[in-house]
Amino acid sequence: MDKPEILGVAEIGRMVGHDRSTIIQWKHKGRLPEPDYVISKTPIWLKDTIVTWLFKNTWVMNQEQAEIV
């Protein structure tokens, strides 16, 4: 069985081309989906959750800085 890919705020930031602090701000403002898991108060998302969210929120991507999803 394959393990699902998980992402924290740093990985999401690299994925969308924004810094970690911007992703943290989005989380606090409710712009990110609810985390799939919280471990020791650290939000964790499944990659599928974030990819689905990105398709619905194209404003997120910083095309010059983003890594290919």
Protein backbone atom coordinates (compact mmCIF):
# COMPACT_ATOMS: atom_id res chain seq x y z
CA MET A 1 0.00 0.00 0.00
CA ASP A 2 1.39 3.39 -1.00
CA LYS A 3 1.69 6.01 1.69
CA PRO A 4 -0.15 9.25 0.94
CA GLU A 5 1.95 12.36 0.42
CA ILE A 6 1.56 14.84 3.25
CA LEU A 7 2.35 18.54 3.28
CA GLY A 8 3.01 21.17 5.90
CA VAL A 9 3.02 24.93 5.41
CA ALA A 10 6.60 24.97 4.06
CA GLU A 11 5.81 22.37 1.40
CA ILE A 12 2.61 24.16 0.41
CA GLY A 13 4.58 27.40 0.13
CA ARG A 14 7.11 25.80 -2.22
CA MET A 15 4.31 24.23 -4.22
CA VAL A 16 2.47 27.52 -4.81
CA GLY A 17 5.45 29.88 -4.89
CA HIS A 18 4.86 31.79 -1.66
CA ASP A 19 6.87 31.89 1.53
CA ARG A 20 5.98 29.96 4.65
CA SER A 21 4.75 33.05 6.51
CA THR A 22 2.21 33.80 3.78
CA ILE A 23 0.84 30.27 4.02
CA ILE A 24 0.56 30.60 7.81
CA GLN A 25 -1.36 33.88 7.35
CA TRP A 26 -3.72 32.19 4.88
CA LYS A 27 -4.35 29.40 7.37
CA HIS A 28 -5.20 31.86 10.15
CA LYS A 29 -7.49 33.81 7.79
CA GLY A 30 -9.31 30.63 6.76
CA ARG A 31 -8.08 30.70 3.15
CA LEU A 32 -6.63 27.18 3.29
CA PRO A 33 -8.75 24.06 3.58
CA GLU A 34 -9.01 22.52 7.01
CA PRO A 35 -5.97 20.34 7.71
CA ASP A 36 -6.45 16.63 7.27
CA TYR A 37 -4.48 16.03 10.46
CA VAL A 38 -3.05 18.03 13.34
CA ILE A 39 0.00 16.57 15.05
CA SER A 40 1.36 18.38 18.11
CA LYS A 41 -0.58 21.50 17.03
CA THR A 42 1.01 21.32 13.55
CA PRO A 43 -1.44 21.26 10.63
CA ILE A 44 -0.83 18.58 8.00
CA TRP A 45 -2.63 18.25 4.66
CA LEU A 46 -2.78 15.40 2.21
CA LYS A 47 -1.31 16.46 -1.13
CA ASP A 48 -4.60 15.53 -2.80
CA THR A 49 -6.44 17.99 -0.53
CA ILE A 50 -4.13 20.83 -1.53
CA VAL A 51 -4.17 19.98 -5.25
CA THR A 52 -7.98 19.95 -5.22
CA TRP A 53 -7.98 23.31 -3.38
CA LEU A 54 -5.53 24.76 -5.92
CA PHE A 55 -7.79 23.85 -8.84
CA LYS A 56 -10.62 25.73 -7.13
CA ASN A 57 -8.45 28.71 -6.09
CA THR A 58 -6.29 29.74 -9.02
CA TRP A 59 -5.53 33.11 -7.37
CA VAL A 60 -3.07 31.25 -5.11
CA MET A 61 -0.36 30.42 -7.62
CA ASN A 62 2.68 32.65 -7.98
CA GLN A 63 3.61 31.40 -11.44
CA GLU A 64 7.20 32.66 -11.29
CA GLN A 65 7.97 30.95 -7.97
CA ALA A 66 5.78 27.84 -7.95
CA GLU A 67 7.11 24.29 -8.22
CA ILE A 68 5.35 21.96 -10.60
CA VAL A 69 2.56 20.10 -8.80
